[in-house]
Amino acid sequence: VQLVESGGGLVQAGESLGLSCAASGIRFDVAFMSWYRQAPGKEREVVATIASAANTDYTDSVKGRFTISRDNTKNTVFLQMNSLKPEDTATYYCNAEIRGPIRRVYWGKGTLVTVSK
């Protein structure tokens, strides 16, 4: 199983950035896909989740600014981040969860997003 994130980088406050996560080795179409982030000295937190049926959920701090989407034909999940703030600075991780009799969770290695003032 591999989850490979891409798209991180350095941007200024107010700018936009898009992240991608390409998955392989899992039944992507049934997976719950999420983006988490972890800032220095802080715990990892969930940012956004998209279910297999494309229902989405966001943490309050990013609602209205971030959009999670998925392309099941390409086994890829996206995170479009607009109006970025310095407090969005973190390493962003892709997460895949397969729910069922045996719950399986997979993580990518992360991509760094830095938002300068």
C-alpha atoms as a PDB file:
ATOM      1  CA  VAL A   1       0.000   0.000   0.000  1.00  0.00           C
ATOM      2  CA  GLN A   2       1.307   3.430  -0.900  1.00  0.00           C
ATOM      3  CA  LEU A   3      -0.059   6.895  -0.329  1.00  0.00           C
ATOM      4  CA  VAL A   4       2.080   9.546  -1.994  1.00  0.00           C
ATOM      5  CA  GLU A   5       1.394  13.197  -1.304  1.00  0.00           C
ATOM      6  CA  SER A   6       2.490  16.032  -3.524  1.00  0.00           C
ATOM      7  CA  GLY A   7       1.927  19.747  -3.885  1.00  0.00           C
ATOM      8  CA  GLY A   8       3.336  21.175  -0.692  1.00  0.00           C
ATOM      9  CA  GLY A   9       5.474  24.274  -0.648  1.00  0.00           C
ATOM     10  CA  LEU A  10       5.946  27.829   0.535  1.00  0.00           C
ATOM     11  CA  VAL A  11       3.242  30.415  -0.068  1.00  0.00           C
ATOM     12  CA  GLN A  12       2.280  33.792   1.334  1.00  0.00           C
ATOM     13  CA  ALA A  13      -0.758  34.391   3.482  1.00  0.00           C
ATOM     14  CA  GLY A  14      -3.887  34.726   1.383  1.00  0.00           C
ATOM     15  CA  GLU A  15      -2.594  32.572  -1.445  1.00  0.00           C
ATOM     16  CA  SER A  16      -3.791  29.134  -2.542  1.00  0.00           C
ATOM     17  CA  LEU A  17      -2.190  25.719  -2.772  1.00  0.00           C
ATOM     18  CA  GLY A  18      -3.414  22.330  -3.911  1.00  0.00           C
ATOM     19  CA  LEU A  19      -2.338  18.979  -2.519  1.00  0.00           C
ATOM     20  CA  SER A  20      -2.713  15.576  -4.138  1.00  0.00           C
ATOM     21  CA  CYS A  21      -2.451  12.079  -2.762  1.00  0.00           C
ATOM     22  CA  ALA A  22      -2.111   9.129  -5.111  1.00  0.00           C
ATOM     23  CA  ALA A  23      -3.073   5.795  -3.607  1.00  0.00           C
ATOM     24  CA  SER A  24      -2.115   2.318  -4.696  1.00  0.00           C
ATOM     25  CA  GLY A  25      -2.650  -1.129  -3.277  1.00  0.00           C
ATOM     26  CA  ILE A  26      -6.056  -0.427  -1.729  1.00  0.00           C
ATOM     27  CA  ARG A  27      -9.685  -0.519  -2.783  1.00  0.00           C
ATOM     28  CA  PHE A  28      -9.686   3.235  -3.238  1.00  0.00           C
ATOM     29  CA  ASP A  29     -13.343   3.466  -4.217  1.00  0.00           C
ATOM     30  CA  VAL A  30     -14.479   2.194  -0.812  1.00  0.00           C
ATOM     31  CA  ALA A  31     -11.869   3.983   1.287  1.00  0.00           C
ATOM     32  CA  PHE A  32     -12.550   6.931   3.548  1.00  0.00           C
ATOM     33  CA  MET A  33      -9.843   9.405   2.594  1.00  0.00           C
ATOM     34  CA  SER A  34      -8.666  12.158   4.893  1.00  0.00           C
ATOM     35  CA  TRP A  35      -6.093  14.874   5.148  1.00  0.00           C
ATOM     36  CA  TYR A  36      -4.441  15.390   8.511  1.00  0.00           C
ATOM     37  CA  ARG A  37      -1.878  17.967   9.506  1.00  0.00           C
ATOM     38  CA  GLN A  38       0.678  18.334  12.216  1.00  0.00           C
ATOM     39  CA  ALA A  39       2.297  21.621  13.123  1.00  0.00           C
ATOM     40  CA  PRO A  40       5.563  21.751  15.059  1.00  0.00           C
ATOM     41  CA  GLY A  41       4.944  21.011  18.721  1.00  0.00           C
ATOM     42  CA  LYS A  42       1.299  20.147  18.163  1.00  0.00           C
ATOM     43  CA  GLU A  43      -0.690  16.959  17.825  1.00  0.00           C
ATOM     44  CA  ARG A  44      -1.782  15.650  14.478  1.00  0.00           C
ATOM     45  CA  GLU A  45      -5.314  16.761  13.639  1.00  0.00           C
ATOM     46  CA  VAL A  46      -7.805  15.819  10.973  1.00  0.00           C
ATOM     47  CA  VAL A  47      -8.403  18.570   8.448  1.00  0.00           C
ATOM     48  CA  ALA A  48     -10.906  17.071   6.037  1.00  0.00           C
ATOM     49  CA  THR A  49     -12.490  13.728   5.208  1.00  0.00           C
ATOM     50  CA  ILE A  50     -14.281  12.456   2.136  1.00  0.00           C
ATOM     51  CA  ALA A  51     -16.262   9.250   2.196  1.00  0.00           C
ATOM     52  CA  SER A  52     -16.590   6.772  -0.618  1.00  0.00           C
ATOM     53  CA  ALA A  53     -19.919   8.360  -1.461  1.00  0.00           C
ATOM     54  CA  ALA A  54     -18.181  11.757  -1.592  1.00  0.00           C
ATOM     55  CA  ASN A  55     -19.712  13.111   1.605  1.00  0.00           C
ATOM     56  CA  THR A  56     -17.272  15.562   3.125  1.00  0.00           C
ATOM     57  CA  ASP A  57     -16.427  16.884   6.565  1.00  0.00           C
ATOM     58  CA  TYR A  58     -14.050  19.627   7.668  1.00  0.00           C
ATOM     59  CA  THR A  59     -12.521  20.864  10.839  1.00  0.00           C
ATOM     60  CA  ASP A  60     -13.973  24.239  11.793  1.00  0.00           C
ATOM     61  CA  SER A  61     -10.786  26.205  11.194  1.00  0.00           C
ATOM     62  CA  VAL A  62     -10.717  25.385   7.469  1.00  0.00           C
ATOM     63  CA  LYS A  63     -14.416  25.441   6.595  1.00  0.00           C
ATOM     64  CA  GLY A  64     -15.063  27.742   3.682  1.00  0.00           C
ATOM     65  CA  ARG A  65     -11.365  27.830   2.732  1.00  0.00           C
ATOM     66  CA  PHE A  66     -10.403  24.201   2.019  1.00  0.00           C
ATOM     67  CA  THR A  67     -12.063  21.719  -0.303  1.00  0.00           C
ATOM     68  CA  ILE A  68     -11.441  17.988  -0.332  1.00  0.00           C
ATOM     69  CA  SER A  69     -12.308  15.971  -3.424  1.00  0.00           C
ATOM     70  CA  ARG A  70     -11.532  12.620  -4.946  1.00  0.00           C
ATOM     71  CA  ASP A  71     -11.155  11.019  -8.358  1.00  0.00           C
ATOM     72  CA  ASN A  72     -11.863   7.321  -8.070  1.00  0.00           C
ATOM     73  CA  THR A  73     -10.732   6.750 -11.662  1.00  0.00           C
ATOM     74  CA  LYS A  74      -7.264   7.959 -10.720  1.00  0.00           C
ATOM     75  CA  ASN A  75      -7.172   6.706  -7.115  1.00  0.00           C
ATOM     76  CA  THR A  76      -6.373  10.236  -6.038  1.00  0.00           C
ATOM     77  CA  VAL A  77      -7.633  12.562  -3.341  1.00  0.00           C
ATOM     78  CA  PHE A  78      -7.122  16.298  -3.438  1.00  0.00           C
ATOM     79  CA  LEU A  79      -7.091  19.168  -0.988  1.00  0.00           C
ATOM     80  CA  GLN A  80      -7.559  22.638  -2.406  1.00  0.00           C
ATOM     81  CA  MET A  81      -6.488  25.231   0.147  1.00  0.00           C
ATOM     82  CA  ASN A  82      -7.492  28.849  -0.383  1.00  0.00           C
ATOM     83  CA  SER A  83      -6.963  31.969   1.712  1.00  0.00           C
ATOM     84  CA  LEU A  84      -4.114  30.296   3.509  1.00  0.00           C
ATOM     85  CA  LYS A  85      -3.072  31.590   6.908  1.00  0.00           C
ATOM     86  CA  PRO A  86       0.243  31.278   8.770  1.00  0.00           C
ATOM     87  CA  GLU A  87      -1.508  28.977  11.233  1.00  0.00           C
ATOM     88  CA  ASP A  88      -2.104  26.520   8.375  1.00  0.00           C
ATOM     89  CA  THR A  89       1.630  25.855   8.343  1.00  0.00           C
ATOM     90  CA  ALA A  90       2.129  22.144   8.973  1.00  0.00           C
ATOM     91  CA  THR A  91       3.073  18.853   7.467  1.00  0.00           C
ATOM     92  CA  TYR A  92      -0.006  17.495   5.718  1.00  0.00           C
ATOM     93  CA  TYR A  93      -0.610  13.761   5.684  1.00  0.00           C
ATOM     94  CA  CYS A  94      -2.866  11.673   3.519  1.00  0.00           C
ATOM     95  CA  ASN A  95      -4.847   8.990   5.338  1.00  0.00           C
ATOM     96  CA  ALA A  96      -6.853   6.063   4.006  1.00  0.00           C
ATOM     97  CA  GLU A  97      -9.270   4.107   6.156  1.00  0.00           C
ATOM     98  CA  ILE A  98     -10.922   0.886   5.084  1.00  0.00           C
ATOM     99  CA  ARG A  99     -13.908   0.189   7.330  1.00  0.00           C
ATOM    100  CA  GLY A 100     -15.320  -3.257   7.838  1.00  0.00           C
ATOM    101  CA  PRO A 101     -14.879  -6.329  10.036  1.00  0.00           C
ATOM    102  CA  ILE A 102     -11.203  -5.425  10.130  1.00  0.00           C
ATOM    103  CA  ARG A 103     -10.420  -1.725  10.163  1.00  0.00           C
ATOM    104  CA  ARG A 104      -7.298  -0.807   8.240  1.00  0.00           C
ATOM    105  CA  VAL A 105      -5.587   2.565   8.266  1.00  0.00           C
ATOM    106  CA  TYR A 106      -2.766   3.740   6.038  1.00  0.00           C
ATOM    107  CA  TRP A 107      -0.669   6.910   6.049  1.00  0.00           C
ATOM    108  CA  GLY A 108       1.412   8.813   3.567  1.00  0.00           C
ATOM    109  CA  LYS A 109       4.773  10.291   4.499  1.00  0.00           C
ATOM    110  CA  GLY A 110       3.515  13.860   4.438  1.00  0.00           C
ATOM    111  CA  THR A 111       4.165  17.046   2.541  1.00  0.00           C
ATOM    112  CA  LEU A 112       5.171  20.339   4.130  1.00  0.00           C
ATOM    113  CA  VAL A 113       3.064  23.453   3.700  1.00  0.00           C
ATOM    114  CA  THR A 114       4.538  26.710   4.913  1.00  0.00           C
ATOM    115  CA  VAL A 115       2.525  29.913   4.898  1.00  0.00           C
ATOM    116  CA  SER A 116       4.450  33.100   5.476  1.00  0.00           C
ATOM    117  CA  LYS A 117       2.959  36.353   6.749  1.00  0.00           C
END
